[in-house]
């Protein structure tokens, strides 16, 4: 907690202070998904690439492509440390010990590698493109997004004087404390830090996690950042993401297989993890159609994460669906994780209190909220919406429909086909901010 952020920012030397300093510096769900892919789809080839949905911020004008490549090459040279693998092997995650099997951990130590990549400039943006075995490509997502986000930050920091850096971080710390103070007055609120992919910087994320832990105590459930969980003895949080249903859908050989793929991925996940880690993410092709067509056993899963639909609406929908299937919603978990900030977290907690076990996955607006903190009133530190999505699977296009049409990805003709197969209506949701 005694890190002088302004001084470190003023004296950045990337070889001493790299952006990604450990292969554990990723969301915990990526490791769980990697083991799932390694076990079930080891020979599948994919491509993925990054997109800056905040198109007015022209990243190529702020980040030298050569400097980005240098950082990426540093990441490719990293290896899992013996102490990190021992921690993964021996730690208890979600109350379960030995969630990572010995053969997988041995592969992490001796066989894991990151795929080849290409950095291209297009219309003022830098785009990272990855291609190779799915096991080699998938981990690039968080590393790549964290690199791009922090390089944008470092470019802006380099334009400030030492005094201005002091002012910037003083304002950001005050804002963080104000948020913590609001949450401290809310009994029973549960927060997990989900901000790795679009963080201001690694050092700031670490500061935020420590401040949240000190200020909120047990209300701070943990962090999705595996390295910070390892380093600071916190719970590592996360299960799976849209990438899995997108890939299995792309592998389907008929419309019938395509529609069934959203449940097949849950079957495989449940089998792979022995009935643990059962939090579903049903919005890949539309939440409503997913719930309407779900087999009854899906209602036995632990809970649901909502990521692209109004969380008040989707929470009510999930509770009503559980009741229609004869399940007690009060024993289930609802996790909101889309662009949350403190006031919405408190409102959601109060709205669902006593109805379902609500918790918040707090991301960008926790670890990168420097809005209005710039000492000259500029917007250089405002967060942007960076994503990295799977594009093809065995040469076939991958599609995400989402509950928010702004978040749909894939070729337009395939999106139309998927909407027909899934019966999912395009809903013009909220503008994507983060």
Protein backbone atom coordinates (compact mmCIF):
# COMPACT_ATOMS: atom_id res chain seq x y z
CA UNK A 1 0.00 0.00 0.00
CA UNK A 2 3.05 2.28 0.27
CA UNK A 3 3.86 2.25 -3.45
CA UNK A 4 4.56 5.74 -4.76
CA UNK A 5 2.48 5.45 -7.92
CA UNK A 6 3.43 8.88 -9.25
CA UNK A 7 7.15 8.21 -8.86
CA UNK A 8 6.89 4.75 -10.45
CA UNK A 9 4.92 6.23 -13.34
CA UNK A 10 7.48 9.00 -13.81
CA UNK A 11 10.39 6.55 -13.90
CA UNK A 12 8.87 3.65 -15.88
CA UNK A 13 11.47 1.26 -17.30
CA UNK A 14 9.56 -1.62 -18.81
CA UNK A 15 12.36 -4.14 -18.35
CA UNK A 16 12.30 -3.45 -14.61
CA UNK A 17 8.55 -2.82 -14.48
CA UNK A 18 6.95 -4.96 -17.24
CA UNK A 19 3.21 -4.77 -17.75
CA UNK A 20 2.70 -8.54 -17.48
CA UNK A 21 5.13 -9.96 -14.93
CA UNK A 22 3.75 -13.48 -14.49
CA UNK A 23 1.67 -15.92 -16.55
CA UNK A 24 -0.66 -15.98 -13.53
CA UNK A 25 -1.41 -12.30 -14.25
CA UNK A 26 -4.67 -13.27 -15.92
CA UNK A 27 -8.30 -13.86 -15.01
CA UNK A 28 -8.77 -17.11 -13.10
CA UNK A 29 -11.44 -18.28 -15.53
CA UNK A 30 -8.83 -18.37 -18.31
CA UNK A 31 -6.92 -21.10 -16.45
CA UNK A 32 -10.10 -23.06 -15.81
CA UNK A 33 -11.07 -22.70 -19.47
CA UNK A 34 -7.56 -23.61 -20.60
CA UNK A 35 -7.74 -26.89 -18.66
CA UNK A 36 -11.18 -27.56 -20.19
CA UNK A 37 -9.84 -26.89 -23.71
CA UNK A 38 -6.69 -28.96 -23.08
CA UNK A 39 -8.83 -31.87 -21.89
CA UNK A 40 -11.55 -31.75 -24.58
CA UNK A 41 -10.31 -29.81 -27.63
CA UNK A 42 -6.52 -30.05 -27.66
CA UNK A 43 -6.28 -30.34 -31.45
CA UNK A 44 -8.69 -27.54 -32.40
CA UNK A 45 -7.27 -24.52 -34.25
CA UNK A 46 -8.68 -21.02 -33.76
CA UNK A 47 -8.01 -17.39 -34.53
CA UNK A 48 -8.83 -14.40 -32.34
CA UNK A 49 -8.24 -10.68 -32.49
CA UNK A 50 -8.65 -7.51 -30.46
CA UNK A 51 -11.14 -4.72 -31.13
CA UNK A 52 -11.32 -1.24 -29.69
CA UNK A 53 -15.05 -0.52 -29.48
CA UNK A 54 -14.23 3.08 -28.46
CA UNK A 55 -13.27 3.85 -32.04
CA UNK A 56 -12.79 7.59 -31.52
CA UNK A 57 -9.67 6.81 -29.47
CA UNK A 58 -7.11 6.01 -32.16
CA UNK A 59 -4.71 3.76 -30.31
CA UNK A 60 -2.13 3.65 -33.10
CA UNK A 61 -1.54 7.35 -32.47
CA UNK A 62 -0.66 6.68 -28.82
CA UNK A 63 1.05 3.27 -28.81
CA UNK A 64 4.07 2.46 -31.02
CA UNK A 65 3.51 -0.93 -32.63
CA UNK A 66 7.16 -1.88 -32.05
CA UNK A 67 6.84 -1.18 -28.32
CA UNK A 68 3.71 -3.35 -28.15
CA UNK A 69 5.52 -6.19 -29.91
CA UNK A 70 8.39 -5.87 -27.46
CA UNK A 71 5.99 -6.29 -24.55
CA UNK A 72 4.31 -9.24 -26.27
CA UNK A 73 7.64 -10.94 -26.82
CA UNK A 74 8.37 -10.50 -23.11
CA UNK A 75 5.11 -12.29 -22.29
CA UNK A 76 5.97 -15.12 -24.68
CA UNK A 77 9.22 -15.70 -22.82
CA UNK A 78 7.54 -16.04 -19.42
CA UNK A 79 7.10 -19.49 -17.86
CA UNK A 80 5.00 -20.66 -14.94
CA UNK A 81 7.13 -20.63 -11.80
CA UNK A 82 7.41 -23.73 -9.67
CA UNK A 83 5.93 -21.89 -6.65
CA UNK A 84 2.94 -20.81 -8.78
CA UNK A 85 2.27 -24.35 -9.94
CA UNK A 86 2.52 -25.65 -6.36
CA UNK A 87 -0.05 -23.02 -5.34
CA UNK A 88 -2.40 -24.06 -8.15
CA UNK A 89 -1.97 -27.71 -7.19
CA UNK A 90 -2.46 -27.33 -3.45
CA UNK A 91 -4.84 -24.43 -3.00
CA UNK A 92 -8.58 -24.74 -2.41
CA UNK A 93 -10.73 -22.95 -5.00
CA UNK A 94 -14.47 -22.54 -4.38
CA UNK A 95 -14.13 -25.01 -1.52
CA UNK A 96 -12.61 -27.65 -3.81
CA UNK A 97 -9.03 -28.91 -3.56
CA UNK A 98 -7.07 -30.27 -6.54
CA UNK A 99 -9.24 -28.58 -9.14
CA UNK A 100 -6.27 -28.63 -11.50
CA UNK A 101 -5.20 -32.15 -12.38
CA UNK A 102 -1.49 -33.11 -12.14
CA UNK A 103 -1.16 -33.89 -15.86
CA UNK A 104 -2.47 -30.41 -16.75
CA UNK A 105 -0.07 -28.72 -14.34
CA UNK A 106 2.79 -30.76 -15.80
CA UNK A 107 1.74 -29.58 -19.26
CA UNK A 108 1.65 -25.99 -18.02
CA UNK A 109 5.24 -26.38 -16.85
CA UNK A 110 6.66 -28.27 -19.82
CA UNK A 111 4.28 -28.00 -22.78
CA UNK A 112 2.40 -24.71 -22.64
CA UNK A 113 3.25 -22.01 -25.14
CA UNK A 114 1.57 -18.90 -26.51
CA UNK A 115 0.66 -18.85 -30.19
CA UNK A 116 2.12 -16.77 -32.96
CA UNK A 117 0.60 -13.34 -33.46
CA UNK A 118 0.54 -10.34 -35.73
CA UNK A 119 0.13 -6.65 -34.86
CA UNK A 120 -1.49 -4.63 -37.63
CA UNK A 121 -2.61 -1.01 -37.94
CA UNK A 122 -6.07 -0.41 -39.35
CA UNK A 123 -7.94 2.88 -39.46
CA UNK A 124 -5.94 4.37 -36.62
CA UNK A 125 -6.22 1.28 -34.43
CA UNK A 126 -3.69 -1.34 -33.42
CA UNK A 127 -5.11 -4.84 -33.79
CA UNK A 128 -3.52 -7.94 -32.25
CA UNK A 129 -4.30 -11.09 -34.24
CA UNK A 130 -3.61 -14.57 -32.86
CA UNK A 131 -3.62 -17.92 -34.67
CA UNK A 132 -2.83 -21.48 -33.63
CA UNK A 133 -4.04 -24.30 -31.44
CA UNK A 134 -6.87 -23.17 -29.16
CA UNK A 135 -4.70 -24.04 -26.15
CA UNK A 136 -2.06 -21.62 -27.46
CA UNK A 137 -4.38 -18.78 -28.44
CA UNK A 138 -6.88 -18.53 -25.57
CA UNK A 139 -4.50 -17.12 -22.94
CA UNK A 140 -3.53 -14.19 -25.15
CA UNK A 141 -6.89 -12.53 -24.48
CA UNK A 142 -6.16 -11.08 -21.05
CA UNK A 143 -2.44 -10.56 -21.61
CA UNK A 144 -3.12 -8.67 -24.84
CA UNK A 145 -5.88 -6.48 -23.42
CA UNK A 146 -3.85 -5.65 -20.31
CA UNK A 147 -0.86 -4.72 -22.47
CA UNK A 148 -2.87 -2.44 -24.74
CA UNK A 149 -4.70 -0.78 -21.85
CA UNK A 150 -1.57 -0.05 -19.83
CA UNK A 151 0.43 1.13 -22.84
CA UNK A 152 -2.32 3.69 -23.45
CA UNK A 153 -1.97 4.69 -19.80
CA UNK A 154 1.82 4.95 -19.96
CA UNK A 155 1.64 7.13 -23.06
CA UNK A 156 -0.66 9.56 -21.22
CA UNK A 157 1.45 9.47 -18.04
CA UNK A 158 4.48 10.46 -20.09
CA UNK A 159 2.81 13.77 -20.94
CA UNK A 160 2.44 14.80 -17.29
CA UNK A 161 4.91 16.51 -14.97
CA UNK A 162 5.77 14.96 -11.62
CA UNK A 163 3.42 17.37 -9.84
CA UNK A 164 0.61 16.56 -12.26
CA UNK A 165 1.16 12.86 -11.64
CA UNK A 166 0.78 13.50 -7.90
CA UNK A 167 -2.49 15.32 -8.53
CA UNK A 168 -3.77 12.58 -10.86
CA UNK A 169 -3.23 9.78 -8.36
CA UNK A 170 -4.43 11.85 -5.38
CA UNK A 171 -7.75 12.41 -7.17
CA UNK A 172 -8.03 8.74 -8.18
CA UNK A 173 -7.32 7.58 -4.62
CA UNK A 174 -9.95 9.97 -3.27
CA UNK A 175 -12.49 8.62 -5.77
CA UNK A 176 -11.65 5.04 -4.80
CA UNK A 177 -12.04 5.85 -1.10
CA UNK A 178 -15.41 7.53 -1.70
CA UNK A 179 -16.63 4.31 -3.36
CA UNK A 180 -15.31 2.16 -0.53
CA UNK A 181 -17.00 4.44 2.01
CA UNK A 182 -20.35 4.00 0.28
CA UNK A 183 -19.99 0.23 0.30
CA UNK A 184 -18.91 0.11 3.94
CA UNK A 185 -22.37 1.36 4.88
CA UNK A 186 -24.13 -1.54 3.12
CA UNK A 187 -24.41 -4.70 5.26
CA UNK A 188 -23.88 -7.97 3.41
CA UNK A 189 -22.74 -6.53 0.09
CA UNK A 190 -20.39 -8.87 -1.82
CA UNK A 191 -17.80 -7.61 -4.29
CA UNK A 192 -15.26 -9.42 -6.46
CA UNK A 193 -12.60 -7.47 -8.35
CA UNK A 194 -12.86 -8.25 -12.09
CA UNK A 195 -10.72 -5.47 -13.58
CA UNK A 196 -7.60 -7.07 -15.09
CA UNK A 197 -8.38 -6.76 -18.79
CA UNK A 198 -8.94 -2.99 -18.86
CA UNK A 199 -6.96 -1.85 -15.85
CA UNK A 200 -5.19 1.49 -15.65
CA UNK A 201 -2.01 -0.41 -14.79
CA UNK A 202 -0.88 -3.46 -12.86
CA UNK A 203 0.39 -1.31 -9.99
CA UNK A 204 -2.93 0.53 -9.74
CA UNK A 205 -4.92 -2.72 -9.83
CA UNK A 206 -2.79 -4.11 -7.02
CA UNK A 207 -3.31 -0.90 -5.03
CA UNK A 208 -7.08 -1.10 -5.58
CA UNK A 209 -7.26 -4.73 -4.50
CA UNK A 210 -5.33 -4.01 -1.30
CA UNK A 211 -7.43 -0.92 -0.57
CA UNK A 212 -10.67 -2.85 -1.10
CA UNK A 213 -9.48 -5.63 1.14
CA UNK A 214 -8.47 -3.20 3.90
CA UNK A 215 -11.60 -1.09 3.58
CA UNK A 216 -14.27 -3.74 3.05
CA UNK A 217 -13.01 -6.80 4.91
CA UNK A 218 -15.21 -9.85 4.23
CA UNK A 219 -17.39 -7.91 1.77
CA UNK A 220 -14.43 -8.16 -0.62
CA UNK A 221 -14.92 -11.75 -1.82
CA UNK A 222 -11.75 -11.96 -3.88
CA UNK A 223 -10.16 -11.09 -7.20
CA UNK A 224 -10.31 -12.57 -10.68
CA UNK A 225 -6.60 -11.82 -11.07
CA UNK A 226 -4.86 -15.11 -10.32
CA UNK A 227 -1.46 -13.53 -9.65
CA UNK A 228 -2.87 -11.07 -7.13
CA UNK A 229 -4.83 -13.87 -5.46
CA UNK A 230 -1.60 -15.89 -5.25
CA UNK A 231 0.50 -12.95 -4.04
CA UNK A 232 -1.95 -11.58 -1.46
CA UNK A 233 -3.67 -14.78 -0.25
CA UNK A 234 -7.06 -13.90 -1.71
CA UNK A 235 -9.82 -16.01 -3.24
CA UNK A 236 -9.38 -16.44 -6.99
CA UNK A 237 -12.76 -15.78 -8.63
CA UNK A 238 -14.21 -16.84 -12.00
CA UNK A 239 -15.50 -19.83 -13.95
CA UNK A 240 -15.99 -19.47 -17.74
CA UNK A 241 -16.77 -17.00 -20.52
CA UNK A 242 -18.45 -16.59 -23.92
CA UNK A 243 -15.51 -18.09 -25.77
CA UNK A 244 -16.58 -21.66 -24.99
CA UNK A 245 -20.16 -21.58 -26.34
CA UNK A 246 -18.98 -19.51 -29.31
CA UNK A 247 -16.41 -22.17 -30.24
CA UNK A 248 -18.71 -25.15 -29.76
CA UNK A 249 -21.38 -23.43 -31.84
CA UNK A 250 -18.86 -22.89 -34.65
CA UNK A 251 -18.02 -26.60 -34.59
CA UNK A 252 -21.68 -27.62 -35.03
CA UNK A 253 -22.50 -29.41 -38.30
CA UNK A 254 -26.21 -28.60 -38.52
CA UNK A 255 -28.76 -26.10 -37.26
CA UNK A 256 -29.94 -28.69 -34.72
CA UNK A 257 -26.40 -29.17 -33.40
CA UNK A 258 -25.94 -25.42 -33.35
CA UNK A 259 -28.96 -24.86 -31.12
CA UNK A 260 -27.99 -27.76 -28.83
CA UNK A 261 -24.37 -26.59 -28.52
CA UNK A 262 -25.23 -24.01 -25.84
CA UNK A 263 -26.27 -26.88 -23.54
CA UNK A 264 -23.60 -29.33 -24.69
CA UNK A 265 -20.90 -26.95 -23.44
CA UNK A 266 -22.53 -27.03 -19.98
CA UNK A 267 -22.62 -30.83 -20.05
CA UNK A 268 -18.92 -30.99 -20.91
CA UNK A 269 -18.04 -28.37 -18.30
CA UNK A 270 -20.01 -30.19 -15.60
CA UNK A 271 -18.29 -33.46 -16.50
CA UNK A 272 -14.85 -31.85 -16.66
CA UNK A 273 -15.16 -30.31 -13.19
CA UNK A 274 -17.06 -33.05 -11.40
CA UNK A 275 -20.15 -31.00 -10.74
CA UNK A 276 -18.25 -27.97 -9.36
CA UNK A 277 -17.90 -24.39 -10.67
CA UNK A 278 -21.47 -24.42 -11.98
CA UNK A 279 -22.12 -20.76 -12.76
CA UNK A 280 -23.62 -20.38 -16.23
CA UNK A 281 -23.33 -17.48 -18.67
CA UNK A 282 -26.48 -17.80 -20.80
CA UNK A 283 -26.38 -14.59 -22.85
CA UNK A 284 -24.01 -15.70 -25.63
CA UNK A 285 -26.95 -16.27 -27.98
CA UNK A 286 -29.67 -14.61 -25.89
CA UNK A 287 -30.66 -15.28 -22.29
CA UNK A 288 -34.42 -15.61 -22.82
CA UNK A 289 -34.19 -18.31 -25.48
CA UNK A 290 -31.50 -20.10 -23.47
CA UNK A 291 -33.69 -20.36 -20.37
CA UNK A 292 -36.81 -21.29 -22.30
CA UNK A 293 -35.13 -24.24 -24.00
CA UNK A 294 -32.84 -25.37 -21.19
CA UNK A 295 -33.01 -29.00 -19.97
CA UNK A 296 -34.27 -29.31 -16.40
CA UNK A 297 -30.83 -30.24 -15.04
CA UNK A 298 -29.55 -26.74 -15.91
CA UNK A 299 -31.73 -25.37 -13.08
CA UNK A 300 -29.56 -27.35 -10.65
CA UNK A 301 -26.53 -25.23 -11.48
CA UNK A 302 -25.29 -22.93 -8.71
CA UNK A 303 -26.08 -19.65 -10.38
CA UNK A 304 -25.92 -17.32 -13.33
CA UNK A 305 -23.67 -14.44 -14.42
CA UNK A 306 -25.36 -11.66 -16.38
CA UNK A 307 -23.09 -9.71 -18.68
CA UNK A 308 -25.04 -7.86 -21.37
CA UNK A 309 -28.65 -7.42 -20.25
CA UNK A 310 -30.03 -4.99 -17.69
CA UNK A 311 -29.11 -6.89 -14.48
CA UNK A 312 -32.39 -5.92 -12.77
CA UNK A 313 -34.34 -7.42 -15.68
CA UNK A 314 -32.22 -10.51 -16.15
CA UNK A 315 -32.14 -11.18 -12.40
CA UNK A 316 -35.95 -11.12 -12.25
CA UNK A 317 -36.06 -13.37 -15.32
CA UNK A 318 -33.68 -15.88 -13.73
CA UNK A 319 -35.62 -15.94 -10.45
CA UNK A 320 -38.94 -16.48 -12.26
CA UNK A 321 -37.37 -19.27 -14.33
CA UNK A 322 -36.02 -20.99 -11.22
CA UNK A 323 -39.43 -20.82 -9.59
CA UNK A 324 -41.06 -22.27 -12.71
CA UNK A 325 -38.62 -25.18 -12.45
CA UNK A 326 -39.42 -25.72 -8.77
CA UNK A 327 -36.07 -24.41 -7.47
CA UNK A 328 -35.54 -22.07 -4.52
CA UNK A 329 -33.89 -18.92 -5.90
CA UNK A 330 -32.70 -17.95 -2.42
CA UNK A 331 -30.19 -20.81 -2.63
CA UNK A 332 -28.84 -19.67 -6.01
CA UNK A 333 -26.35 -16.98 -6.98
CA UNK A 334 -26.72 -14.05 -9.36
CA UNK A 335 -23.51 -12.30 -10.44
CA UNK A 336 -23.68 -9.00 -12.33
CA UNK A 337 -20.53 -7.97 -14.19
CA UNK A 338 -21.26 -5.55 -17.03
CA UNK A 339 -19.94 -2.00 -16.62
CA UNK A 340 -20.91 -1.74 -12.96
CA UNK A 341 -20.14 1.17 -10.67
CA UNK A 342 -20.78 1.66 -6.99
CA UNK A 343 -24.29 3.14 -7.02
CA UNK A 344 -25.65 0.42 -9.31
CA UNK A 345 -23.98 -2.27 -7.19
CA UNK A 346 -25.71 -0.95 -4.07
CA UNK A 347 -29.07 -0.67 -5.86
CA UNK A 348 -28.79 -4.23 -7.18
CA UNK A 349 -27.81 -5.56 -3.75
CA UNK A 350 -30.86 -3.92 -2.16
CA UNK A 351 -33.20 -4.98 -4.98
CA UNK A 352 -32.30 -8.67 -4.79
CA UNK A 353 -31.80 -8.89 -1.01
CA UNK A 354 -33.65 -11.90 0.38
CA UNK A 355 -34.58 -13.14 -3.11
CA UNK A 356 -31.29 -14.51 -4.43
CA UNK A 357 -27.64 -14.41 -3.35
CA UNK A 358 -26.40 -11.39 -5.28
CA UNK A 359 -22.77 -10.46 -5.83
CA UNK A 360 -21.01 -8.01 -8.12
CA UNK A 361 -18.04 -8.58 -10.40
CA UNK A 362 -16.62 -5.06 -10.49
CA UNK A 363 -14.28 -4.41 -13.39
CA UNK A 364 -13.24 -1.38 -15.41
CA UNK A 365 -14.87 1.30 -13.26
CA UNK A 366 -13.01 -0.08 -10.24
CA UNK A 367 -9.53 -0.57 -11.68
CA UNK A 368 -9.58 2.18 -14.31
CA UNK A 369 -11.84 4.99 -13.15
CA UNK A 370 -9.70 8.07 -13.78
CA UNK A 371 -12.54 10.06 -15.31
CA UNK A 372 -12.19 13.77 -14.41
CA UNK A 373 -8.94 13.06 -12.57
CA UNK A 374 -6.66 14.60 -15.21
CA UNK A 375 -5.01 17.72 -13.71
CA UNK A 376 -5.64 19.70 -16.92
CA UNK A 377 -9.19 18.45 -17.45
CA UNK A 378 -8.31 16.29 -20.45
CA UNK A 379 -9.70 12.80 -21.13
CA UNK A 380 -6.48 10.88 -21.77
CA UNK A 381 -7.17 8.49 -18.88
CA UNK A 382 -10.84 7.76 -19.55
CA UNK A 383 -11.34 3.99 -19.90
CA UNK A 384 -12.09 2.50 -23.30
CA UNK A 385 -13.86 -0.69 -24.32
CA UNK A 386 -11.21 -3.15 -25.48
CA UNK A 387 -12.21 -6.74 -26.27
CA UNK A 388 -10.55 -9.83 -27.71
CA UNK A 389 -12.87 -12.37 -29.36
CA UNK A 390 -12.45 -15.71 -31.07
CA UNK A 391 -12.96 -15.12 -34.80
CA UNK A 392 -12.73 -18.59 -36.37
CA UNK A 393 -12.74 -22.19 -35.14
CA UNK A 394 -11.28 -24.75 -37.55
CA UNK A 395 -11.77 -22.13 -40.25
CA UNK A 396 -15.45 -21.56 -39.45
CA UNK A 397 -16.66 -18.12 -38.32
CA UNK A 398 -17.45 -17.68 -34.62
CA UNK A 399 -20.51 -15.65 -33.59
CA UNK A 400 -21.77 -13.98 -30.45
CA UNK A 401 -25.29 -12.55 -30.45
CA UNK A 402 -25.41 -11.21 -26.88
CA UNK A 403 -28.42 -9.66 -25.16
CA UNK A 404 -27.14 -6.29 -26.38
CA UNK A 405 -26.89 -5.92 -30.16
CA UNK A 406 -23.97 -3.50 -29.69
CA UNK A 407 -21.91 -6.47 -28.46
CA UNK A 408 -22.72 -8.86 -31.31
CA UNK A 409 -19.68 -10.18 -33.19
CA UNK A 410 -19.22 -12.23 -36.36
CA UNK A 411 -20.03 -11.96 -40.09
CA UNK A 412 -23.42 -10.38 -40.70
CA UNK A 413 -24.79 -13.37 -42.62
CA UNK A 414 -23.81 -15.73 -39.81
CA UNK A 415 -25.36 -13.41 -37.22
CA UNK A 416 -28.61 -13.55 -39.20
CA UNK A 417 -28.43 -17.35 -39.36
CA UNK A 418 -27.76 -17.63 -35.62
CA UNK A 419 -30.70 -15.34 -34.83
CA UNK A 420 -32.93 -17.59 -36.91
CA UNK A 421 -31.65 -20.81 -35.30
CA UNK A 422 -31.78 -19.51 -31.73
CA UNK A 423 -34.89 -17.39 -32.15
CA UNK A 424 -33.00 -14.50 -30.60
CA UNK A 425 -34.26 -10.99 -31.32
CA UNK A 426 -31.73 -8.17 -31.75
CA UNK A 427 -32.23 -5.80 -28.81
CA UNK A 428 -30.70 -2.34 -28.98
CA UNK A 429 -29.25 -2.33 -25.48
CA UNK A 430 -27.31 0.31 -23.63
CA UNK A 431 -24.34 1.88 -25.40
CA UNK A 432 -21.13 0.02 -24.61
CA UNK A 433 -18.96 2.25 -22.43
CA UNK A 434 -16.53 -0.29 -20.93
